C-alpha atoms as a PDB file:
ATOM      1  CA  MET A   1      10.565  10.156  -9.209  1.00  0.00           C
ATOM      2  CA  LEU A   2      11.596  12.763 -11.803  1.00  0.00           C
ATOM      3  CA  LEU A   3      13.500  14.786  -9.185  1.00  0.00           C
ATOM      4  CA  GLN A   4      15.349  11.659  -7.990  1.00  0.00           C
ATOM      5  CA  ASN A   5      16.282  10.783 -11.592  1.00  0.00           C
ATOM      6  CA  LEU A   6      17.635  14.306 -12.209  1.00  0.00           C
ATOM      7  CA  ILE A   7      19.689  14.199  -8.988  1.00  0.00           C
ATOM      8  CA  GLU A   8      21.247  10.862  -9.984  1.00  0.00           C
ATOM      9  CA  LEU A   9      21.985  12.203 -13.467  1.00  0.00           C
ATOM     10  CA  VAL A  10      23.845  15.337 -12.347  1.00  0.00           C
ATOM     11  CA  ALA A  11      25.376  13.840  -9.191  1.00  0.00           C
ATOM     12  CA  PRO A  12      26.434  10.210  -9.803  1.00  0.00           C
ATOM     13  CA  ALA A  13      26.434   8.015  -6.721  1.00  0.00           C
ATOM     14  CA  ASP A  14      29.572   7.050  -4.839  1.00  0.00           C
ATOM     15  CA  CYS A  15      30.217   3.320  -4.577  1.00  0.00           C
ATOM     16  CA  LEU A  16      28.880   1.981  -1.290  1.00  0.00           C
ATOM     17  CA  GLY A  17      31.919  -0.285  -1.025  1.00  0.00           C
ATOM     18  CA  CYS A  18      34.948   1.817  -1.918  1.00  0.00           C
ATOM     19  CA  GLY A  19      33.569   5.338  -2.419  1.00  0.00           C
ATOM     20  CA  ARG A  20      34.565   5.521  -6.093  1.00  0.00           C
ATOM     21  CA  GLN A  21      32.227   7.750  -8.105  1.00  0.00           C
ATOM     22  CA  GLY A  22      30.006   6.177 -10.729  1.00  0.00           C
ATOM     23  CA  ASP A  23      27.600   3.422  -9.707  1.00  0.00           C
ATOM     24  CA  PRO A  24      26.067   2.676  -6.289  1.00  0.00           C
ATOM     25  CA  ILE A  25      28.343  -0.393  -6.321  1.00  0.00           C
ATOM     26  CA  CYS A  26      31.291  -0.579  -8.705  1.00  0.00           C
ATOM     27  CA  ARG A  27      32.185  -3.790 -10.530  1.00  0.00           C
ATOM     28  CA  ALA A  28      35.198  -4.387  -8.277  1.00  0.00           C
ATOM     29  CA  CYS A  29      33.056  -4.307  -5.149  1.00  0.00           C
ATOM     30  CA  LEU A  30      30.499  -6.571  -6.774  1.00  0.00           C
ATOM     31  CA  SER A  31      33.089  -9.290  -6.333  1.00  0.00           C
ATOM     32  CA  THR A  32      31.598  -9.622  -2.849  1.00  0.00           C
ATOM     33  CA  PRO A  33      31.390 -13.416  -2.489  1.00  0.00           C
ATOM     34  CA  PRO A  34      28.171 -14.546  -4.179  1.00  0.00           C
ATOM     35  CA  VAL A  35      26.057 -17.391  -2.949  1.00  0.00           C
ATOM     36  CA  ARG A  36      28.596 -20.203  -3.194  1.00  0.00           C
ATOM     37  CA  ALA A  37      26.253 -22.513  -5.054  1.00  0.00           C
ATOM     38  CA  GLN A  38      22.684 -22.220  -6.202  1.00  0.00           C
ATOM     39  CA  ARG A  39      20.444 -24.021  -3.742  1.00  0.00           C
ATOM     40  CA  CYS A  40      16.848 -25.116  -3.490  1.00  0.00           C
ATOM     41  CA  TYR A  41      15.120 -22.004  -2.251  1.00  0.00           C
ATOM     42  CA  LEU A  42      13.164 -23.879   0.440  1.00  0.00           C
ATOM     43  CA  CYS A  43      15.369 -26.629   1.892  1.00  0.00           C
ATOM     44  CA  ASN A  44      18.709 -25.047   0.889  1.00  0.00           C
ATOM     45  CA  ILE A  45      20.318 -28.206  -0.523  1.00  0.00           C
ATOM     46  CA  PRO A  46      22.747 -27.607  -3.448  1.00  0.00           C
ATOM     47  CA  VAL A  47      21.017 -27.956  -6.830  1.00  0.00           C
ATOM     48  CA  ALA A  48      21.854 -27.153 -10.450  1.00  0.00           C
ATOM     49  CA  ASP A  49      20.827 -23.658 -11.616  1.00  0.00           C
ATOM     50  CA  GLY A  50      18.767 -23.055  -8.479  1.00  0.00           C
ATOM     51  CA  ARG A  51      16.256 -25.742  -9.442  1.00  0.00           C
ATOM     52  CA  THR A  52      13.683 -26.596  -6.809  1.00  0.00           C
ATOM     53  CA  CYS A  53      14.222 -30.091  -5.465  1.00  0.00           C
ATOM     54  CA  PRO A  54      11.386 -32.591  -6.147  1.00  0.00           C
ATOM     55  CA  SER A  55      10.291 -32.677  -2.509  1.00  0.00           C
ATOM     56  CA  CYS A  56       9.940 -28.887  -2.232  1.00  0.00           C
ATOM     57  CA  PHE A  57       8.294 -28.598  -5.650  1.00  0.00           C
ATOM     58  CA  GLU A  58       5.394 -30.591  -4.221  1.00  0.00           C
ATOM     59  CA  GLN A  59       4.831 -27.760  -1.736  1.00  0.00           C
ATOM     60  CA  ALA A  60       4.689 -24.937  -4.307  1.00  0.00           C
ATOM     61  CA  PRO A  61       4.930 -24.904  -8.130  1.00  0.00           C
ATOM     62  CA  LEU A  62       8.108 -22.826  -8.307  1.00  0.00           C
ATOM     63  CA  THR A  63      10.524 -24.455 -10.745  1.00  0.00           C
ATOM     64  CA  ALA A  64      13.714 -22.626  -9.764  1.00  0.00           C
ATOM     65  CA  VAL A  65      14.968 -19.571  -7.880  1.00  0.00           C
ATOM     66  CA  THR A  66      18.120 -17.657  -8.784  1.00  0.00           C
ATOM     67  CA  VAL A  67      19.685 -15.813  -5.846  1.00  0.00           C
ATOM     68  CA  ALA A  68      22.477 -13.498  -6.967  1.00  0.00           C
ATOM     69  CA  THR A  69      24.438 -12.837  -3.788  1.00  0.00           C
ATOM     70  CA  VAL A  70      24.264 -12.527   0.008  1.00  0.00           C
ATOM     71  CA  TYR A  71      22.556  -9.816   2.055  1.00  0.00           C
ATOM     72  CA  ASP A  72      25.686  -8.265   3.483  1.00  0.00           C
ATOM     73  CA  GLY A  73      28.193  -5.443   2.981  1.00  0.00           C
ATOM     74  CA  PRO A  74      27.711  -3.125  -0.017  1.00  0.00           C
ATOM     75  CA  VAL A  75      24.887  -5.278  -1.401  1.00  0.00           C
ATOM     76  CA  LYS A  76      22.897  -4.800   1.813  1.00  0.00           C
ATOM     77  CA  GLU A  77      23.436  -1.036   1.574  1.00  0.00           C
ATOM     78  CA  LEU A  78      22.378  -1.121  -2.082  1.00  0.00           C
ATOM     79  CA  ILE A  79      19.110  -2.866  -1.201  1.00  0.00           C
ATOM     80  CA  LEU A  80      18.413  -0.422   1.632  1.00  0.00           C
ATOM     81  CA  ARG A  81      18.967   2.497  -0.765  1.00  0.00           C
ATOM     82  CA  LEU A  82      16.654   0.845  -3.256  1.00  0.00           C
ATOM     83  CA  LYS A  83      14.057   0.153  -0.559  1.00  0.00           C
ATOM     84  CA  PHE A  84      13.948   3.566   1.084  1.00  0.00           C
ATOM     85  CA  GLN A  85      15.362   6.078  -1.431  1.00  0.00           C
ATOM     86  CA  ARG A  86      13.754   4.922  -4.700  1.00  0.00           C
ATOM     87  CA  SER A  87      17.139   5.011  -6.401  1.00  0.00           C
ATOM     88  CA  ARG A  88      16.907   4.312 -10.131  1.00  0.00           C
ATOM     89  CA  ALA A  89      20.668   3.737 -10.243  1.00  0.00           C
ATOM     90  CA  ALA A  90      20.406   1.168  -7.429  1.00  0.00           C
ATOM     91  CA  ALA A  91      17.617  -0.640  -9.291  1.00  0.00           C
ATOM     92  CA  THR A  92      19.716  -0.765 -12.453  1.00  0.00           C
ATOM     93  CA  VAL A  93      22.744  -2.188 -10.632  1.00  0.00           C
ATOM     94  CA  ALA A  94      20.616  -4.692  -8.699  1.00  0.00           C
ATOM     95  CA  ALA A  95      19.023  -5.875 -11.953  1.00  0.00           C
ATOM     96  CA  ARG A  96      22.479  -6.313 -13.486  1.00  0.00           C
ATOM     97  CA  VAL A  97      23.617  -8.387 -10.497  1.00  0.00           C
ATOM     98  CA  VAL A  98      20.641 -10.748 -10.837  1.00  0.00           C
ATOM     99  CA  LEU A  99      20.820 -10.968 -14.637  1.00  0.00           C
ATOM    100  CA  ASP A 100      24.452 -12.049 -14.428  1.00  0.00           C
ATOM    101  CA  ARG A 101      23.336 -15.103 -12.421  1.00  0.00           C
ATOM    102  CA  LEU A 102      20.229 -16.127 -14.377  1.00  0.00           C
ATOM    103  CA  PRO A 103      20.532 -19.415 -16.281  1.00  0.00           C
ATOM    104  CA  PRO A 104      20.676 -18.893 -20.069  1.00  0.00           C
ATOM    105  CA  ASP A 105      17.764 -21.257 -20.735  1.00  0.00           C
ATOM    106  CA  LEU A 106      15.315 -19.497 -18.426  1.00  0.00           C
ATOM    107  CA  GLY A 107      12.552 -19.360 -21.051  1.00  0.00           C
ATOM    108  CA  ALA A 108      10.410 -16.759 -19.267  1.00  0.00           C
ATOM    109  CA  GLU A 109       7.771 -14.860 -21.248  1.00  0.00           C
ATOM    110  CA  ILE A 110       6.644 -12.306 -18.642  1.00  0.00           C
ATOM    111  CA  VAL A 111       8.477 -10.625 -15.754  1.00  0.00           C
ATOM    112  CA  THR A 112       6.593  -9.610 -12.622  1.00  0.00           C
ATOM    113  CA  ALA A 113       7.422  -8.654  -9.026  1.00  0.00           C
ATOM    114  CA  VAL A 114       6.379  -9.651  -5.534  1.00  0.00           C
ATOM    115  CA  PRO A 115       3.909  -6.927  -4.521  1.00  0.00           C
ATOM    116  CA  ILE A 116       4.016  -4.977  -1.286  1.00  0.00           C
ATOM    117  CA  ALA A 117       1.014  -4.194   0.899  1.00  0.00           C
ATOM    118  CA  PRO A 118      -1.213  -1.260  -0.135  1.00  0.00           C
ATOM    119  CA  ALA A 119      -0.369   0.689   3.034  1.00  0.00           C
ATOM    120  CA  ARG A 120       3.350   0.250   2.425  1.00  0.00           C
ATOM    121  CA  TYR A 121       2.917   1.349  -1.199  1.00  0.00           C
ATOM    122  CA  ARG A 122       1.027   4.476  -0.139  1.00  0.00           C
ATOM    123  CA  GLU A 123       3.768   5.273   2.360  1.00  0.00           C
ATOM    124  CA  ARG A 124       6.686   4.847  -0.078  1.00  0.00           C
ATOM    125  CA  GLY A 125       4.989   5.504  -3.413  1.00  0.00           C
ATOM    126  CA  TYR A 126       6.699   2.563  -5.101  1.00  0.00           C
ATOM    127  CA  ASN A 127       7.602  -1.131  -4.844  1.00  0.00           C
ATOM    128  CA  GLN A 128      11.360  -1.733  -4.774  1.00  0.00           C
ATOM    129  CA  ALA A 129      11.067  -5.238  -6.250  1.00  0.00           C
ATOM    130  CA  GLU A 130       9.071  -3.791  -9.152  1.00  0.00           C
ATOM    131  CA  LEU A 131      11.843  -1.277  -9.937  1.00  0.00           C
ATOM    132  CA  VAL A 132      14.335  -4.144 -10.259  1.00  0.00           C
ATOM    133  CA  ALA A 133      11.908  -6.371 -12.166  1.00  0.00           C
ATOM    134  CA  ARG A 134      11.166  -3.624 -14.696  1.00  0.00           C
ATOM    135  CA  ALA A 135      14.891  -3.031 -15.257  1.00  0.00           C
ATOM    136  CA  MET A 136      15.415  -6.773 -15.736  1.00  0.00           C
ATOM    137  CA  ALA A 137      12.488  -6.982 -18.169  1.00  0.00           C
ATOM    138  CA  ARG A 138      13.979  -4.200 -20.298  1.00  0.00           C
ATOM    139  CA  ASP A 139      17.348  -5.959 -20.490  1.00  0.00           C
ATOM    140  CA  LEU A 140      15.725  -9.313 -21.253  1.00  0.00           C
ATOM    141  CA  GLY A 141      13.463  -7.811 -23.915  1.00  0.00           C
ATOM    142  CA  LEU A 142      10.385  -9.120 -22.105  1.00  0.00           C
ATOM    143  CA  PRO A 143       7.168  -7.402 -21.007  1.00  0.00           C
ATOM    144  CA  TYR A 144       6.691  -6.442 -17.375  1.00  0.00           C
ATOM    145  CA  ARG A 145       3.212  -7.120 -16.003  1.00  0.00           C
ATOM    146  CA  SER A 146       1.747  -6.588 -12.528  1.00  0.00           C
ATOM    147  CA  LEU A 147       0.213 -10.016 -12.018  1.00  0.00           C
ATOM    148  CA  LEU A 148      -0.288 -10.046  -8.246  1.00  0.00           C
ATOM    149  CA  ALA A 149      -1.649  -7.778  -5.536  1.00  0.00           C
ATOM    150  CA  ARG A 150      -1.299  -8.030  -1.779  1.00  0.00           C
ATOM    151  CA  THR A 151      -4.121  -7.983   0.726  1.00  0.00           C
ATOM    152  CA  SER A 152      -2.347  -6.496   3.741  1.00  0.00           C
ATOM    153  CA  THR A 153       0.967  -6.021   5.497  1.00  0.00           C
ATOM    154  CA  THR A 154       2.391  -9.264   6.867  1.00  0.00           C
ATOM    155  CA  HIS A 155       5.238  -8.645   9.286  1.00  0.00           C
ATOM    156  CA  GLN A 156       7.706 -11.524   8.947  1.00  0.00           C
ATOM    157  CA  ILE A 157      10.616 -10.238  11.051  1.00  0.00           C
ATOM    158  CA  GLY A 158      11.041 -12.304  14.205  1.00  0.00           C
ATOM    159  CA  ARG A 159       8.752 -15.118  13.062  1.00  0.00           C
ATOM    160  CA  SER A 160       9.893 -18.724  12.893  1.00  0.00           C
ATOM    161  CA  ARG A 161      10.039 -20.509   9.541  1.00  0.00           C
ATOM    162  CA  HIS A 162       6.711 -22.253  10.196  1.00  0.00           C
ATOM    163  CA  GLU A 163       5.078 -19.002  11.321  1.00  0.00           C
ATOM    164  CA  ARG A 164       6.257 -17.216   8.165  1.00  0.00           C
ATOM    165  CA  PHE A 165       4.594 -19.816   5.948  1.00  0.00           C
ATOM    166  CA  GLU A 166       1.366 -19.634   7.934  1.00  0.00           C
ATOM    167  CA  ALA A 167       1.321 -15.826   7.971  1.00  0.00           C
ATOM    168  CA  ILE A 168       1.865 -15.418   4.232  1.00  0.00           C
ATOM    169  CA  SER A 169      -0.862 -17.870   3.217  1.00  0.00           C
ATOM    170  CA  GLY A 170      -3.668 -15.971   1.485  1.00  0.00           C
ATOM    171  CA  ALA A 171      -1.704 -12.712   1.384  1.00  0.00           C
ATOM    172  CA  PHE A 172      -1.711 -12.473  -2.442  1.00  0.00           C
ATOM    173  CA  TYR A 173      -4.309 -12.616  -5.191  1.00  0.00           C
ATOM    174  CA  PRO A 174      -4.018 -12.512  -9.004  1.00  0.00           C
ATOM    175  CA  THR A 175      -4.867  -9.345 -10.926  1.00  0.00           C
ATOM    176  CA  ARG A 176      -5.605 -11.168 -14.199  1.00  0.00           C
ATOM    177  CA  ARG A 177      -6.118 -14.577 -15.715  1.00  0.00           C
ATOM    178  CA  LEU A 178      -3.142 -16.249 -17.377  1.00  0.00           C
ATOM    179  CA  ARG A 179      -3.006 -18.718 -20.244  1.00  0.00           C
ATOM    180  CA  GLY A 180      -0.008 -20.882 -19.564  1.00  0.00           C
ATOM    181  CA  GLU A 181       2.630 -18.127 -19.833  1.00  0.00           C
ATOM    182  CA  ARG A 182       6.039 -18.803 -18.268  1.00  0.00           C
ATOM    183  CA  ILE A 183       6.608 -16.263 -15.489  1.00  0.00           C
ATOM    184  CA  LEU A 184       9.734 -14.862 -13.828  1.00  0.00           C
ATOM    185  CA  ILE A 185       8.859 -13.315 -10.455  1.00  0.00           C
ATOM    186  CA  VAL A 186      11.384 -11.000  -8.772  1.00  0.00           C
ATOM    187  CA  ASP A 187      11.902 -10.141  -5.087  1.00  0.00           C
ATOM    188  CA  ASP A 188      14.614  -8.189  -3.298  1.00  0.00           C
ATOM    189  CA  VAL A 189      15.659 -10.465  -0.413  1.00  0.00           C
ATOM    190  CA  LEU A 190      14.942 -14.175   0.016  1.00  0.00           C
ATOM    191  CA  THR A 191      14.878 -15.592   3.548  1.00  0.00           C
ATOM    192  CA  THR A 192      12.732 -18.689   4.075  1.00  0.00           C
ATOM    193  CA  GLY A 193      11.249 -18.662   0.568  1.00  0.00           C
ATOM    194  CA  ALA A 194       7.702 -18.473   1.967  1.00  0.00           C
ATOM    195  CA  THR A 195       6.770 -15.355  -0.017  1.00  0.00           C
ATOM    196  CA  LEU A 196       7.948 -16.659  -3.395  1.00  0.00           C
ATOM    197  CA  ALA A 197       6.314 -20.026  -2.722  1.00  0.00           C
ATOM    198  CA  GLU A 198       2.938 -18.408  -2.031  1.00  0.00           C
ATOM    199  CA  CYS A 199       3.242 -16.127  -5.065  1.00  0.00           C
ATOM    200  CA  ALA A 200       4.003 -19.130  -7.287  1.00  0.00           C
ATOM    201  CA  ARG A 201       1.000 -21.002  -5.919  1.00  0.00           C
ATOM    202  CA  VAL A 202      -1.330 -18.073  -6.657  1.00  0.00           C
ATOM    203  CA  LEU A 203       0.098 -17.602 -10.163  1.00  0.00           C
ATOM    204  CA  ALA A 204      -0.414 -21.295 -10.903  1.00  0.00           C
ATOM    205  CA  VAL A 205      -4.053 -21.087  -9.787  1.00  0.00           C
ATOM    206  CA  ALA A 206      -4.444 -18.044 -12.075  1.00  0.00           C
ATOM    207  CA  GLY A 207      -3.314 -20.157 -15.035  1.00  0.00           C
ATOM    208  CA  ALA A 208       0.453 -19.576 -15.253  1.00  0.00           C
ATOM    209  CA  GLY A 209       2.687 -22.189 -16.831  1.00  0.00           C
ATOM    210  CA  GLU A 210       6.172 -22.590 -15.413  1.00  0.00           C
ATOM    211  CA  VAL A 211       7.052 -20.094 -12.663  1.00  0.00           C
ATOM    212  CA  CYS A 212      10.658 -19.231 -11.793  1.00  0.00           C
ATOM    213  CA  GLY A 213      11.900 -16.792  -9.184  1.00  0.00           C
ATOM    214  CA  ALA A 214      14.841 -14.451  -8.727  1.00  0.00           C
ATOM    215  CA  ALA A 215      16.123 -12.423  -5.796  1.00  0.00           C
ATOM    216  CA  ILE A 216      19.002 -10.017  -5.343  1.00  0.00           C
ATOM    217  CA  ALA A 217      20.248 -11.588  -2.123  1.00  0.00           C
ATOM    218  CA  ARG A 218      19.710 -14.323   0.426  1.00  0.00           C
ATOM    219  CA  GLY A 219      19.160 -13.056   3.945  1.00  0.00           C
ATOM    220  CA  ALA A 220      19.462 -14.753   7.299  1.00  0.00           C
END
């Protein structure tokens, strides 16, 4: 981690969109069309501030999910760099992208991240969602806490929507008891919403108050 930080300090990244030196994605290239409107994270109907629609809220106690942009172009490359190169600069930019889309009345008290499986963590040595969540927590002036752990790797690629929900059930467990705190949980890419829904359910059982979610991008 220290070596990667030193490399980024002495050799600033080139923009993944236009090649300009400075950030992994410059502000001009961040004008990549964002998600046109915030939508319910499960059924995808347009809603205000990413609020979960009443029908989907009955399935999991996740109040709202903010999705900053779409998983395409420079943003996709940014997430891949974050996921496989442990880039501190990429985490900082990704956090900025999400923070710019968060509603002002979020009201969160603790920031946490969707955990990855132990085997994946041993392989990479870090959790990319945690890097972004920690950067967001610093900017928001909130504590970061690891509130969830994952039992095993659950491969979701190629599964249907129903299969994803079935596969993720029971994949997470709480690492501590909560006392009604309002939680913001961060992930990198949102697809069906199954992972955030299960995390919110587990946090609620552990004693969380309101749970909101945030993701860098919406994938296919």
